[in-house]
Amino acid sequence: MASVKPISNEIYEDLKAIEEDEAFEEARAIYKALEKNPYLGEPLYDRPDLGIFLQDCYKIYFYNKKYRVVYTLNEENEIIVIVIAIGKPDGLEVYKEADRRMAGN
């Protein structure tokens, strides 16, 4: 069993920005699913050509691939899922935002 935590309070703003009620519920369900299986997402890789450095991070698509959850793991004493960003992939913005947040922590 893993703990799921936000990287910062910005995650709550990400959740507020989700326009559809069903998508919001799917995001909440992902939090619960990550508690049971922190390796649920697909691995992300660095994209230096785009200035995005997300090695050791994962993504989960939801709401018909309209949104992404980007997260990483801290596996020192217990598995902690750290949610970095939630948003639309338009122009890779969710990944750029995740990279910005990772650099700030």
PDB file of N, CA and C in Angstrom:
ATOM      1  N   MET A   1       0.843  -1.176   0.000  1.00  0.00           N
ATOM      2  CA  MET A   1       0.000   0.000   0.000  1.00  0.00           C
ATOM      3  C   MET A   1       0.892   1.245   0.000  1.00  0.00           C
ATOM      4  N   ALA A   2       0.551   2.217  -0.792  1.00  0.00           N
ATOM      5  CA  ALA A   2       1.336   3.448  -0.912  1.00  0.00           C
ATOM      6  C   ALA A   2       0.541   4.642  -0.401  1.00  0.00           C
ATOM      7  N   SER A   3       1.248   5.666  -0.010  1.00  0.00           N
ATOM      8  CA  SER A   3       0.633   6.945   0.322  1.00  0.00           C
ATOM      9  C   SER A   3       0.673   7.803  -0.928  1.00  0.00           C
ATOM     10  N   VAL A   4      -0.374   8.583  -1.171  1.00  0.00           N
ATOM     11  CA  VAL A   4      -0.425   9.480  -2.322  1.00  0.00           C
ATOM     12  C   VAL A   4      -0.467  10.910  -1.793  1.00  0.00           C
ATOM     13  N   LYS A   5       0.494  11.724  -2.228  1.00  0.00           N
ATOM     14  CA  LYS A   5       0.605  13.095  -1.738  1.00  0.00           C
ATOM     15  C   LYS A   5       0.851  14.036  -2.915  1.00  0.00           C
ATOM     16  N   PRO A   6       0.371  15.271  -2.809  1.00  0.00           N
ATOM     17  CA  PRO A   6       0.670  16.256  -3.859  1.00  0.00           C
ATOM     18  C   PRO A   6       2.072  16.823  -3.670  1.00  0.00           C
ATOM     19  N   ILE A   7       2.720  17.218  -4.749  1.00  0.00           N
ATOM     20  CA  ILE A   7       4.032  17.842  -4.661  1.00  0.00           C
ATOM     21  C   ILE A   7       3.913  19.225  -4.031  1.00  0.00           C
ATOM     22  N   SER A   8       2.766  19.891  -4.261  1.00  0.00           N
ATOM     23  CA  SER A   8       2.512  21.215  -3.700  1.00  0.00           C
ATOM     24  C   SER A   8       1.010  21.479  -3.750  1.00  0.00           C
ATOM     25  N   ASN A   9       0.599  22.610  -3.229  1.00  0.00           N
ATOM     26  CA  ASN A   9      -0.818  22.981  -3.276  1.00  0.00           C
ATOM     27  C   ASN A   9      -1.295  23.288  -4.690  1.00  0.00           C
ATOM     28  N   GLU A  10      -0.376  23.411  -5.633  1.00  0.00           N
ATOM     29  CA  GLU A  10      -0.760  23.661  -7.022  1.00  0.00           C
ATOM     30  C   GLU A  10      -1.606  22.519  -7.591  1.00  0.00           C
ATOM     31  N   ILE A  11      -1.470  21.329  -7.031  1.00  0.00           N
ATOM     32  CA  ILE A  11      -2.276  20.195  -7.491  1.00  0.00           C
ATOM     33  C   ILE A  11      -3.759  20.493  -7.311  1.00  0.00           C
ATOM     34  N   TYR A  12      -4.110  21.179  -6.224  1.00  0.00           N
ATOM     35  CA  TYR A  12      -5.516  21.502  -5.985  1.00  0.00           C
ATOM     36  C   TYR A  12      -6.047  22.460  -7.046  1.00  0.00           C
ATOM     37  N   GLU A  13      -5.187  23.346  -7.531  1.00  0.00           N
ATOM     38  CA  GLU A  13      -5.566  24.227  -8.641  1.00  0.00           C
ATOM     39  C   GLU A  13      -5.746  23.411  -9.919  1.00  0.00           C
ATOM     40  N   ASP A  14      -4.872  22.429 -10.121  1.00  0.00           N
ATOM     41  CA  ASP A  14      -5.016  21.541 -11.280  1.00  0.00           C
ATOM     42  C   ASP A  14      -6.375  20.846 -11.245  1.00  0.00           C
ATOM     43  N   LEU A  15      -6.749  20.351 -10.069  1.00  0.00           N
ATOM     44  CA  LEU A  15      -8.026  19.647  -9.943  1.00  0.00           C
ATOM     45  C   LEU A  15      -9.201  20.583 -10.185  1.00  0.00           C
ATOM     46  N   LYS A  16      -9.110  21.814  -9.698  1.00  0.00           N
ATOM     47  CA  LYS A  16     -10.183  22.794  -9.919  1.00  0.00           C
ATOM     48  C   LYS A  16     -10.336  23.124 -11.395  1.00  0.00           C
ATOM     49  N   ALA A  17      -9.239  23.021 -12.152  1.00  0.00           N
ATOM     50  CA  ALA A  17      -9.269  23.348 -13.578  1.00  0.00           C
ATOM     51  C   ALA A  17      -9.914  22.262 -14.431  1.00  0.00           C
ATOM     52  N   ILE A  18     -10.147  21.097 -13.864  1.00  0.00           N
ATOM     53  CA  ILE A  18     -10.814  20.032 -14.622  1.00  0.00           C
ATOM     54  C   ILE A  18     -12.262  20.447 -14.846  1.00  0.00           C
ATOM     55  N   GLU A  19     -12.655  20.505 -16.098  1.00  0.00           N
ATOM     56  CA  GLU A  19     -13.946  21.070 -16.473  1.00  0.00           C
ATOM     57  C   GLU A  19     -15.117  20.113 -16.289  1.00  0.00           C
ATOM     58  N   GLU A  20     -14.896  18.838 -16.498  1.00  0.00           N
ATOM     59  CA  GLU A  20     -15.990  17.869 -16.491  1.00  0.00           C
ATOM     60  C   GLU A  20     -16.052  17.149 -15.145  1.00  0.00           C
ATOM     61  N   ASP A  21     -17.262  16.998 -14.608  1.00  0.00           N
ATOM     62  CA  ASP A  21     -17.441  16.292 -13.335  1.00  0.00           C
ATOM     63  C   ASP A  21     -16.941  14.856 -13.424  1.00  0.00           C
ATOM     64  N   GLU A  22     -17.206  14.196 -14.560  1.00  0.00           N
ATOM     65  CA  GLU A  22     -16.783  12.807 -14.716  1.00  0.00           C
ATOM     66  C   GLU A  22     -15.258  12.700 -14.708  1.00  0.00           C
ATOM     67  N   ALA A  23     -14.587  13.664 -15.325  1.00  0.00           N
ATOM     68  CA  ALA A  23     -13.128  13.661 -15.345  1.00  0.00           C
ATOM     69  C   ALA A  23     -12.584  13.875 -13.940  1.00  0.00           C
ATOM     70  N   PHE A  24     -13.208  14.756 -13.175  1.00  0.00           N
ATOM     71  CA  PHE A  24     -12.789  14.988 -11.797  1.00  0.00           C
ATOM     72  C   PHE A  24     -12.914  13.702 -10.985  1.00  0.00           C
ATOM     73  N   GLU A  25     -14.009  12.988 -11.180  1.00  0.00           N
ATOM     74  CA  GLU A  25     -14.203  11.719 -10.462  1.00  0.00           C
ATOM     75  C   GLU A  25     -13.166  10.683 -10.893  1.00  0.00           C
ATOM     76  N   GLU A  26     -12.808  10.675 -12.165  1.00  0.00           N
ATOM     77  CA  GLU A  26     -11.769   9.754 -12.630  1.00  0.00           C
ATOM     78  C   GLU A  26     -10.429  10.097 -11.978  1.00  0.00           C
ATOM     79  N   ALA A  27     -10.127  11.385 -11.832  1.00  0.00           N
ATOM     80  CA  ALA A  27      -8.878  11.791 -11.172  1.00  0.00           C
ATOM     81  C   ALA A  27      -8.868  11.304  -9.726  1.00  0.00           C
ATOM     82  N   ARG A  28      -9.974  11.429  -9.046  1.00  0.00           N
ATOM     83  CA  ARG A  28     -10.064  10.940  -7.665  1.00  0.00           C
ATOM     84  C   ARG A  28      -9.868   9.427  -7.615  1.00  0.00           C
ATOM     85  N   ALA A  29     -10.436   8.722  -8.585  1.00  0.00           N
ATOM     86  CA  ALA A  29     -10.293   7.264  -8.632  1.00  0.00           C
ATOM     87  C   ALA A  29      -8.830   6.870  -8.882  1.00  0.00           C
ATOM     88  N   ILE A  30      -8.108   7.674  -9.644  1.00  0.00           N
ATOM     89  CA  ILE A  30      -6.693   7.397  -9.898  1.00  0.00           C
ATOM     90  C   ILE A  30      -5.902   7.485  -8.600  1.00  0.00           C
ATOM     91  N   TYR A  31      -6.218   8.475  -7.769  1.00  0.00           N
ATOM     92  CA  TYR A  31      -5.548   8.577  -6.463  1.00  0.00           C
ATOM     93  C   TYR A  31      -5.720   7.278  -5.684  1.00  0.00           C
ATOM     94  N   LYS A  32      -6.942   6.760  -5.641  1.00  0.00           N
ATOM     95  CA  LYS A  32      -7.218   5.508  -4.909  1.00  0.00           C
ATOM     96  C   LYS A  32      -6.476   4.336  -5.545  1.00  0.00           C
ATOM     97  N   ALA A  33      -6.469   4.285  -6.877  1.00  0.00           N
ATOM     98  CA  ALA A  33      -5.796   3.187  -7.573  1.00  0.00           C
ATOM     99  C   ALA A  33      -4.284   3.226  -7.328  1.00  0.00           C
ATOM    100  N   LEU A  34      -3.704   4.424  -7.235  1.00  0.00           N
ATOM    101  CA  LEU A  34      -2.268   4.540  -6.991  1.00  0.00           C
ATOM    102  C   LEU A  34      -1.892   4.083  -5.586  1.00  0.00           C
ATOM    103  N   GLU A  35      -2.809   4.199  -4.654  1.00  0.00           N
ATOM    104  CA  GLU A  35      -2.550   3.679  -3.311  1.00  0.00           C
ATOM    105  C   GLU A  35      -2.326   2.166  -3.358  1.00  0.00           C
ATOM    106  N   LYS A  36      -3.068   1.496  -4.215  1.00  0.00           N
ATOM    107  CA  LYS A  36      -2.970   0.037  -4.332  1.00  0.00           C
ATOM    108  C   LYS A  36      -1.846  -0.397  -5.266  1.00  0.00           C
ATOM    109  N   ASN A  37      -1.609   0.368  -6.335  1.00  0.00           N
ATOM    110  CA  ASN A  37      -0.591   0.006  -7.312  1.00  0.00           C
ATOM    111  C   ASN A  37       0.137   1.264  -7.789  1.00  0.00           C
ATOM    112  N   PRO A  38       1.221   1.629  -7.118  1.00  0.00           N
ATOM    113  CA  PRO A  38       1.935   2.851  -7.499  1.00  0.00           C
ATOM    114  C   PRO A  38       2.636   2.769  -8.861  1.00  0.00           C
ATOM    115  N   TYR A  39       2.711   1.589  -9.433  1.00  0.00           N
ATOM    116  CA  TYR A  39       3.365   1.415 -10.730  1.00  0.00           C
ATOM    117  C   TYR A  39       2.345   1.353 -11.871  1.00  0.00           C
ATOM    118  N   LEU A  40       1.194   1.902 -11.649  1.00  0.00           N
ATOM    119  CA  LEU A  40       0.090   1.855 -12.601  1.00  0.00           C
ATOM    120  C   LEU A  40       0.381   2.619 -13.894  1.00  0.00           C
ATOM    121  N   GLY A  41       1.111   3.719 -13.794  1.00  0.00           N
ATOM    122  CA  GLY A  41       1.345   4.586 -14.953  1.00  0.00           C
ATOM    123  C   GLY A  41       2.421   4.094 -15.897  1.00  0.00           C
ATOM    124  N   GLU A  42       2.523   4.784 -17.027  1.00  0.00           N
ATOM    125  CA  GLU A  42       3.556   4.511 -18.027  1.00  0.00           C
ATOM    126  C   GLU A  42       4.767   5.398 -17.731  1.00  0.00           C
ATOM    127  N   PRO A  43       5.982   4.871 -17.885  1.00  0.00           N
ATOM    128  CA  PRO A  43       7.178   5.683 -17.617  1.00  0.00           C
ATOM    129  C   PRO A  43       7.299   6.868 -18.577  1.00  0.00           C
ATOM    130  N   LEU A  44       7.795   7.966 -18.037  1.00  0.00           N
ATOM    131  CA  LEU A  44       8.129   9.139 -18.844  1.00  0.00           C
ATOM    132  C   LEU A  44       9.650   9.203 -18.977  1.00  0.00           C
ATOM    133  N   TYR A  45      10.105   9.912 -19.981  1.00  0.00           N
ATOM    134  CA  TYR A  45      11.535  10.033 -20.231  1.00  0.00           C
ATOM    135  C   TYR A  45      11.886  11.495 -20.436  1.00  0.00           C
ATOM    136  N   ASP A  46      13.144  11.818 -20.244  1.00  0.00           N
ATOM    137  CA  ASP A  46      13.597  13.177 -20.495  1.00  0.00           C
ATOM    138  C   ASP A  46      13.448  13.520 -21.967  1.00  0.00           C
ATOM    139  N   ARG A  47      13.091  14.762 -22.221  1.00  0.00           N
ATOM    140  CA  ARG A  47      13.032  15.296 -23.582  1.00  0.00           C
ATOM    141  C   ARG A  47      13.854  16.584 -23.615  1.00  0.00           C
ATOM    142  N   PRO A  48      15.186  16.456 -23.597  1.00  0.00           N
ATOM    143  CA  PRO A  48      16.021  17.661 -23.566  1.00  0.00           C
ATOM    144  C   PRO A  48      15.765  18.588 -24.748  1.00  0.00           C
ATOM    145  N   ASP A  49      15.348  18.028 -25.895  1.00  0.00           N
ATOM    146  CA  ASP A  49      15.045  18.849 -27.057  1.00  0.00           C
ATOM    147  C   ASP A  49      13.880  19.791 -26.792  1.00  0.00           C
ATOM    148  N   LEU A  50      13.030  19.454 -25.820  1.00  0.00           N
ATOM    149  CA  LEU A  50      11.887  20.288 -25.454  1.00  0.00           C
ATOM    150  C   LEU A  50      12.074  20.957 -24.090  1.00  0.00           C
ATOM    151  N   GLY A  51      13.224  20.706 -23.467  1.00  0.00           N
ATOM    152  CA  GLY A  51      13.478  21.278 -22.149  1.00  0.00           C
ATOM    153  C   GLY A  51      12.649  20.629 -21.056  1.00  0.00           C
ATOM    154  N   ILE A  52      12.275  19.357 -21.247  1.00  0.00           N
ATOM    155  CA  ILE A  52      11.461  18.632 -20.272  1.00  0.00           C
ATOM    156  C   ILE A  52      12.292  17.482 -19.708  1.00  0.00           C
ATOM    157  N   PHE A  53      12.414  17.451 -18.376  1.00  0.00           N
ATOM    158  CA  PHE A  53      13.228  16.437 -17.712  1.00  0.00           C
ATOM    159  C   PHE A  53      12.374  15.706 -16.680  1.00  0.00           C
ATOM    160  N   LEU A  54      11.788  14.593 -17.093  1.00  0.00           N
ATOM    161  CA  LEU A  54      10.866  13.847 -16.235  1.00  0.00           C
ATOM    162  C   LEU A  54      11.265  12.381 -16.103  1.00  0.00           C
ATOM    163  N   GLN A  55      12.548  12.098 -16.214  1.00  0.00           N
ATOM    164  CA  GLN A  55      13.043  10.744 -15.976  1.00  0.00           C
ATOM    165  C   GLN A  55      12.584  10.322 -14.585  1.00  0.00           C
ATOM    166  N   ASP A  56      12.234   9.089 -14.392  1.00  0.00           N
ATOM    167  CA  ASP A  56      11.747   8.549 -13.115  1.00  0.00           C
ATOM    168  C   ASP A  56      10.335   9.012 -12.765  1.00  0.00           C
ATOM    169  N   CYS A  57       9.621   9.549 -13.737  1.00  0.00           N
ATOM    170  CA  CYS A  57       8.221   9.937 -13.532  1.00  0.00           C
ATOM    171  C   CYS A  57       7.326   9.023 -14.366  1.00  0.00           C
ATOM    172  N   TYR A  58       6.055   9.054 -14.044  1.00  0.00           N
ATOM    173  CA  TYR A  58       5.061   8.238 -14.730  1.00  0.00           C
ATOM    174  C   TYR A  58       3.882   9.110 -15.141  1.00  0.00           C
ATOM    175  N   LYS A  59       3.124   8.631 -16.135  1.00  0.00           N
ATOM    176  CA  LYS A  59       1.910   9.332 -16.552  1.00  0.00           C
ATOM    177  C   LYS A  59       0.761   8.341 -16.599  1.00  0.00           C
ATOM    178  N   ILE A  60      -0.416   8.866 -16.317  1.00  0.00           N
ATOM    179  CA  ILE A  60      -1.644   8.089 -16.453  1.00  0.00           C
ATOM    180  C   ILE A  60      -2.613   8.946 -17.255  1.00  0.00           C
ATOM    181  N   TYR A  61      -3.126   8.377 -18.325  1.00  0.00           N
ATOM    182  CA  TYR A  61      -4.153   9.042 -19.116  1.00  0.00           C
ATOM    183  C   TYR A  61      -5.502   8.818 -18.444  1.00  0.00           C
ATOM    184  N   PHE A  62      -6.385   9.808 -18.535  1.00  0.00           N
ATOM    185  CA  PHE A  62      -7.759   9.581 -18.085  1.00  0.00           C
ATOM    186  C   PHE A  62      -8.722  10.481 -18.841  1.00  0.00           C
ATOM    187  N   TYR A  63      -9.977  10.174 -18.695  1.00  0.00           N
ATOM    188  CA  TYR A  63     -11.078  10.855 -19.390  1.00  0.00           C
ATOM    189  C   TYR A  63     -10.819  10.855 -20.896  1.00  0.00           C
ATOM    190  N   ASN A  64     -10.769   9.653 -21.446  1.00  0.00           N
ATOM    191  CA  ASN A  64     -10.543   9.438 -22.883  1.00  0.00           C
ATOM    192  C   ASN A  64      -9.271  10.121 -23.376  1.00  0.00           C
ATOM    193  N   LYS A  65      -8.223  10.069 -22.558  1.00  0.00           N
ATOM    194  CA  LYS A  65      -6.907  10.628 -22.864  1.00  0.00           C
ATOM    195  C   LYS A  65      -6.910  12.158 -22.975  1.00  0.00           C
ATOM    196  N   LYS A  66      -7.930  12.812 -22.435  1.00  0.00           N
ATOM    197  CA  LYS A  66      -7.998  14.275 -22.465  1.00  0.00           C
ATOM    198  C   LYS A  66      -7.098  14.887 -21.389  1.00  0.00           C
ATOM    199  N   TYR A  67      -6.875  14.160 -20.304  1.00  0.00           N
ATOM    200  CA  TYR A  67      -6.072  14.650 -19.186  1.00  0.00           C
ATOM    201  C   TYR A  67      -4.964  13.659 -18.851  1.00  0.00           C
ATOM    202  N   ARG A  68      -3.955  14.158 -18.125  1.00  0.00           N
ATOM    203  CA  ARG A  68      -2.861  13.326 -17.647  1.00  0.00           C
ATOM    204  C   ARG A  68      -2.626  13.585 -16.165  1.00  0.00           C
ATOM    205  N   VAL A  69      -2.216  12.552 -15.467  1.00  0.00           N
ATOM    206  CA  VAL A  69      -1.655  12.681 -14.124  1.00  0.00           C
ATOM    207  C   VAL A  69      -0.180  12.349 -14.274  1.00  0.00           C
ATOM    208  N   VAL A  70       0.682  13.231 -13.794  1.00  0.00           N
ATOM    209  CA  VAL A  70       2.121  12.995 -13.814  1.00  0.00           C
ATOM    210  C   VAL A  70       2.559  12.842 -12.361  1.00  0.00           C
ATOM    211  N   TYR A  71       3.302  11.768 -12.090  1.00  0.00           N
ATOM    212  CA  TYR A  71       3.728  11.521 -10.716  1.00  0.00           C
ATOM    213  C   TYR A  71       5.083  10.846 -10.677  1.00  0.00           C
ATOM    214  N   THR A  72       5.670  10.828  -9.497  1.00  0.00           N
ATOM    215  CA  THR A  72       6.931  10.134  -9.263  1.00  0.00           C
ATOM    216  C   THR A  72       6.795   9.347  -7.967  1.00  0.00           C
ATOM    217  N   LEU A  73       7.792   8.549  -7.672  1.00  0.00           N
ATOM    218  CA  LEU A  73       7.762   7.715  -6.468  1.00  0.00           C
ATOM    219  C   LEU A  73       8.945   8.035  -5.570  1.00  0.00           C
ATOM    220  N   ASN A  74       8.705   7.958  -4.283  1.00  0.00           N
ATOM    221  CA  ASN A  74       9.756   8.010  -3.277  1.00  0.00           C
ATOM    222  C   ASN A  74       9.692   6.669  -2.578  1.00  0.00           C
ATOM    223  N   GLU A  75      10.720   5.860  -2.724  1.00  0.00           N
ATOM    224  CA  GLU A  75      10.668   4.488  -2.228  1.00  0.00           C
ATOM    225  C   GLU A  75      11.664   4.227  -1.092  1.00  0.00           C
ATOM    226  N   GLU A  76      12.003   5.238  -0.323  1.00  0.00           N
ATOM    227  CA  GLU A  76      13.001   5.034   0.723  1.00  0.00           C
ATOM    228  C   GLU A  76      12.510   4.082   1.814  1.00  0.00           C
ATOM    229  N   ASN A  77      11.668   4.503   2.716  1.00  0.00           N
ATOM    230  CA  ASN A  77      11.176   3.642   3.790  1.00  0.00           C
ATOM    231  C   ASN A  77       9.809   3.044   3.460  1.00  0.00           C
ATOM    232  N   GLU A  78       9.016   3.812   2.777  1.00  0.00           N
ATOM    233  CA  GLU A  78       7.707   3.358   2.328  1.00  0.00           C
ATOM    234  C   GLU A  78       7.488   3.946   0.949  1.00  0.00           C
ATOM    235  N   ILE A  79       6.593   3.381   0.203  1.00  0.00           N
ATOM    236  CA  ILE A  79       6.326   3.915  -1.131  1.00  0.00           C
ATOM    237  C   ILE A  79       5.383   5.099  -0.986  1.00  0.00           C
ATOM    238  N   ILE A  80       5.842   6.255  -1.464  1.00  0.00           N
ATOM    239  CA  ILE A  80       5.014   7.454  -1.475  1.00  0.00           C
ATOM    240  C   ILE A  80       4.883   7.895  -2.921  1.00  0.00           C
ATOM    241  N   VAL A  81       3.660   8.005  -3.398  1.00  0.00           N
ATOM    242  CA  VAL A  81       3.380   8.516  -4.735  1.00  0.00           C
ATOM    243  C   VAL A  81       3.261  10.030  -4.599  1.00  0.00           C
ATOM    244  N   ILE A  82       4.059  10.762  -5.331  1.00  0.00           N
ATOM    245  CA  ILE A  82       4.030  12.217  -5.292  1.00  0.00           C
ATOM    246  C   ILE A  82       3.446  12.708  -6.607  1.00  0.00           C
ATOM    247  N   VAL A  83       2.212  13.207  -6.552  1.00  0.00           N
ATOM    248  CA  VAL A  83       1.543  13.703  -7.751  1.00  0.00           C
ATOM    249  C   VAL A  83       2.124  15.075  -8.071  1.00  0.00           C
ATOM    250  N   ILE A  84       2.617  15.229  -9.281  1.00  0.00           N
ATOM    251  CA  ILE A  84       3.323  16.443  -9.678  1.00  0.00           C
ATOM    252  C   ILE A  84       2.417  17.404 -10.424  1.00  0.00           C
ATOM    253  N   ALA A  85       1.619  16.896 -11.361  1.00  0.00           N
ATOM    254  CA  ALA A  85       0.765  17.766 -12.171  1.00  0.00           C
ATOM    255  C   ALA A  85      -0.406  16.960 -12.710  1.00  0.00           C
ATOM    256  N   ILE A  86      -1.513  17.655 -12.915  1.00  0.00           N
ATOM    257  CA  ILE A  86      -2.699  17.074 -13.535  1.00  0.00           C
ATOM    258  C   ILE A  86      -3.186  18.090 -14.553  1.00  0.00           C
ATOM    259  N   GLY A  87      -3.394  17.664 -15.785  1.00  0.00           N
ATOM    260  CA  GLY A  87      -3.877  18.608 -16.780  1.00  0.00           C
ATOM    261  C   GLY A  87      -3.948  18.018 -18.160  1.00  0.00           C
ATOM    262  N   LYS A  88      -4.282  18.890 -19.096  1.00  0.00           N
ATOM    263  CA  LYS A  88      -4.396  18.500 -20.489  1.00  0.00           C
ATOM    264  C   LYS A  88      -3.017  18.481 -21.125  1.00  0.00           C
ATOM    265  N   PRO A  89      -2.817  17.597 -22.104  1.00  0.00           N
ATOM    266  CA  PRO A  89      -1.509  17.510 -22.741  1.00  0.00           C
ATOM    267  C   PRO A  89      -1.301  18.543 -23.849  1.00  0.00           C
ATOM    268  N   ASP A  90      -2.247  19.441 -24.057  1.00  0.00           N
ATOM    269  CA  ASP A  90      -2.160  20.424 -25.134  1.00  0.00           C
ATOM    270  C   ASP A  90      -0.815  21.137 -25.118  1.00  0.00           C
ATOM    271  N   GLY A  91      -0.079  21.038 -26.209  1.00  0.00           N
ATOM    272  CA  GLY A  91       1.214  21.685 -26.309  1.00  0.00           C
ATOM    273  C   GLY A  91       2.203  21.204 -25.262  1.00  0.00           C
ATOM    274  N   LEU A  92       1.979  20.005 -24.738  1.00  0.00           N
ATOM    275  CA  LEU A  92       2.827  19.408 -23.708  1.00  0.00           C
ATOM    276  C   LEU A  92       2.841  20.224 -22.417  1.00  0.00           C
ATOM    277  N   GLU A  93       1.844  21.069 -22.215  1.00  0.00           N
ATOM    278  CA  GLU A  93       1.817  21.960 -21.055  1.00  0.00           C
ATOM    279  C   GLU A  93       1.860  21.215 -19.726  1.00  0.00           C
ATOM    280  N   VAL A  94       1.143  20.107 -19.606  1.00  0.00           N
ATOM    281  CA  VAL A  94       1.147  19.379 -18.331  1.00  0.00           C
ATOM    282  C   VAL A  94       2.549  18.849 -18.026  1.00  0.00           C
ATOM    283  N   TYR A  95       3.284  18.460 -19.053  1.00  0.00           N
ATOM    284  CA  TYR A  95       4.638  17.958 -18.853  1.00  0.00           C
ATOM    285  C   TYR A  95       5.607  19.093 -18.532  1.00  0.00           C
ATOM    286  N   LYS A  96       5.443  20.230 -19.193  1.00  0.00           N
ATOM    287  CA  LYS A  96       6.273  21.398 -18.905  1.00  0.00           C
ATOM    288  C   LYS A  96       6.029  21.879 -17.478  1.00  0.00           C
ATOM    289  N   GLU A  97       4.763  21.879 -17.061  1.00  0.00           N
ATOM    290  CA  GLU A  97       4.429  22.284 -15.698  1.00  0.00           C
ATOM    291  C   GLU A  97       5.004  21.292 -14.690  1.00  0.00           C
ATOM    292  N   ALA A  98       4.938  20.014 -14.986  1.00  0.00           N
ATOM    293  CA  ALA A  98       5.515  19.001 -14.106  1.00  0.00           C
ATOM    294  C   ALA A  98       7.022  19.205 -13.972  1.00  0.00           C
ATOM    295  N   ASP A  99       7.681  19.496 -15.080  1.00  0.00           N
ATOM    296  CA  ASP A  99       9.116  19.745 -15.057  1.00  0.00           C
ATOM    297  C   ASP A  99       9.432  20.974 -14.205  1.00  0.00           C
ATOM    298  N   ARG A 100       8.649  22.027 -14.337  1.00  0.00           N
ATOM    299  CA  ARG A 100       8.857  23.246 -13.552  1.00  0.00           C
ATOM    300  C   ARG A 100       8.709  22.949 -12.062  1.00  0.00           C
ATOM    301  N   ARG A 101       7.676  22.194 -11.716  1.00  0.00           N
ATOM    302  CA  ARG A 101       7.434  21.865 -10.310  1.00  0.00           C
ATOM    303  C   ARG A 101       8.526  20.966  -9.747  1.00  0.00           C
ATOM    304  N   MET A 102       9.009  20.038 -10.544  1.00  0.00           N
ATOM    305  CA  MET A 102      10.096  19.154 -10.082  1.00  0.00           C
ATOM    306  C   MET A 102      11.369  19.972  -9.843  1.00  0.00           C
ATOM    307  N   ALA A 103      11.643  20.927 -10.698  1.00  0.00           N
ATOM    308  CA  ALA A 103      12.841  21.744 -10.557  1.00  0.00           C
ATOM    309  C   ALA A 103      12.765  22.627  -9.311  1.00  0.00           C
ATOM    310  N   GLY A 104      11.535  22.976  -8.914  1.00  0.00           N
ATOM    311  CA  GLY A 104      11.360  23.829  -7.742  1.00  0.00           C
ATOM    312  C   GLY A 104      11.415  23.093  -6.435  1.00  0.00           C
ATOM    313  N   ASN A 105      11.443  21.752  -6.466  1.00  0.00           N
ATOM    314  CA  ASN A 105      11.457  20.966  -5.222  1.00  0.00           C
ATOM    315  C   ASN A 105      12.714  20.155  -5.087  1.00  0.00           C
TER     316      ASN A 105
END
